[in-house]
Amino acid sequence: MTNLKPISKEDMAAVAQPETFPTYHAEELTRGGVQARILLNGQIYSLRITRAGKLILTK
């Protein structure tokens, strides 16, 4: 993946807990589309943004 940037401090202000790990906009992960693949331990997962604006992660 390239050019992924953590969300801004202003966006983080909306989150109740302090930042303890990287947080990304889903639209960046999908490069403006609706689906991205995520690799973990040799397994590929699919992250999808639904029409209702929800996220679904499947194996």
C-alpha atoms as a PDB file:
ATOM      1  CA  MET A   1       0.000   0.000   0.000  1.00  0.00           C
ATOM      2  CA  THR A   2       1.215   3.462  -0.716  1.00  0.00           C
ATOM      3  CA  ASN A   3       0.455   6.965   0.438  1.00  0.00           C
ATOM      4  CA  LEU A   4      -1.645   5.968   3.451  1.00  0.00           C
ATOM      5  CA  LYS A   5      -1.703   8.766   6.000  1.00  0.00           C
ATOM      6  CA  PRO A   6      -3.092   8.661   9.516  1.00  0.00           C
ATOM      7  CA  ILE A   7      -6.197  10.808   9.964  1.00  0.00           C
ATOM      8  CA  SER A   8      -5.670  14.377  11.134  1.00  0.00           C
ATOM      9  CA  LYS A   9      -5.597  15.445  14.764  1.00  0.00           C
ATOM     10  CA  GLU A  10      -8.814  17.354  14.091  1.00  0.00           C
ATOM     11  CA  ASP A  11     -10.532  14.129  13.028  1.00  0.00           C
ATOM     12  CA  MET A  12      -9.159  12.403  16.110  1.00  0.00           C
ATOM     13  CA  ALA A  13     -10.778  15.069  18.316  1.00  0.00           C
ATOM     14  CA  ALA A  14     -14.111  13.397  17.548  1.00  0.00           C
ATOM     15  CA  VAL A  15     -12.884  10.159  19.141  1.00  0.00           C
ATOM     16  CA  ALA A  16     -13.476   9.828  22.884  1.00  0.00           C
ATOM     17  CA  GLN A  17     -10.358   7.798  23.701  1.00  0.00           C
ATOM     18  CA  PRO A  18      -6.787   9.002  23.188  1.00  0.00           C
ATOM     19  CA  GLU A  19      -4.966   7.811  20.078  1.00  0.00           C
ATOM     20  CA  THR A  20      -3.058   4.632  20.882  1.00  0.00           C
ATOM     21  CA  PHE A  21      -2.773   3.107  17.391  1.00  0.00           C
ATOM     22  CA  PRO A  22      -2.811   4.275  13.753  1.00  0.00           C
ATOM     23  CA  THR A  23      -6.257   5.245  12.426  1.00  0.00           C
ATOM     24  CA  TYR A  24      -7.050   5.530   8.711  1.00  0.00           C
ATOM     25  CA  HIS A  25      -9.941   6.742   6.593  1.00  0.00           C
ATOM     26  CA  ALA A  26     -11.592   3.718   4.939  1.00  0.00           C
ATOM     27  CA  GLU A  27     -11.714   5.687   1.674  1.00  0.00           C
ATOM     28  CA  GLU A  28      -7.901   5.829   1.692  1.00  0.00           C
ATOM     29  CA  LEU A  29      -7.645   2.080   2.214  1.00  0.00           C
ATOM     30  CA  THR A  30      -9.995   1.510  -0.733  1.00  0.00           C
ATOM     31  CA  ARG A  31      -8.330   4.270  -2.804  1.00  0.00           C
ATOM     32  CA  GLY A  32     -11.686   5.962  -3.286  1.00  0.00           C
ATOM     33  CA  GLY A  33     -13.472   2.741  -4.201  1.00  0.00           C
ATOM     34  CA  VAL A  34     -15.537   0.437  -2.043  1.00  0.00           C
ATOM     35  CA  GLN A  35     -13.227  -2.533  -1.494  1.00  0.00           C
ATOM     36  CA  ALA A  36      -9.690  -3.277  -0.302  1.00  0.00           C
ATOM     37  CA  ARG A  37      -7.755  -6.434   0.431  1.00  0.00           C
ATOM     38  CA  ILE A  38      -5.826  -6.822   3.666  1.00  0.00           C
ATOM     39  CA  LEU A  39      -3.100  -9.435   4.106  1.00  0.00           C
ATOM     40  CA  LEU A  40      -2.547 -10.989   7.542  1.00  0.00           C
ATOM     41  CA  ASN A  41      -0.398 -14.060   8.215  1.00  0.00           C
ATOM     42  CA  GLY A  42      -0.669 -15.225   4.605  1.00  0.00           C
ATOM     43  CA  GLN A  43      -4.479 -14.881   4.588  1.00  0.00           C
ATOM     44  CA  ILE A  44      -6.277 -12.313   2.432  1.00  0.00           C
ATOM     45  CA  TYR A  45      -9.258 -10.486   3.906  1.00  0.00           C
ATOM     46  CA  SER A  46     -11.681  -8.258   2.049  1.00  0.00           C
ATOM     47  CA  LEU A  47     -12.780  -4.917   3.502  1.00  0.00           C
ATOM     48  CA  ARG A  48     -15.900  -3.511   1.872  1.00  0.00           C
ATOM     49  CA  ILE A  49     -17.808  -0.252   2.334  1.00  0.00           C
ATOM     50  CA  THR A  50     -21.537  -0.882   1.912  1.00  0.00           C
ATOM     51  CA  ARG A  51     -24.044   1.501   0.303  1.00  0.00           C
ATOM     52  CA  ALA A  52     -25.264   2.252   3.824  1.00  0.00           C
ATOM     53  CA  GLY A  53     -21.753   3.391   4.796  1.00  0.00           C
ATOM     54  CA  LYS A  54     -20.946   0.386   6.995  1.00  0.00           C
ATOM     55  CA  LEU A  55     -17.746  -1.681   6.891  1.00  0.00           C
ATOM     56  CA  ILE A  56     -17.694  -5.442   6.329  1.00  0.00           C
ATOM     57  CA  LEU A  57     -14.510  -7.501   6.773  1.00  0.00           C
ATOM     58  CA  THR A  58     -14.613 -11.039   5.369  1.00  0.00           C
ATOM     59  CA  LYS A  59     -12.073 -13.788   4.860  1.00  0.00           C
END
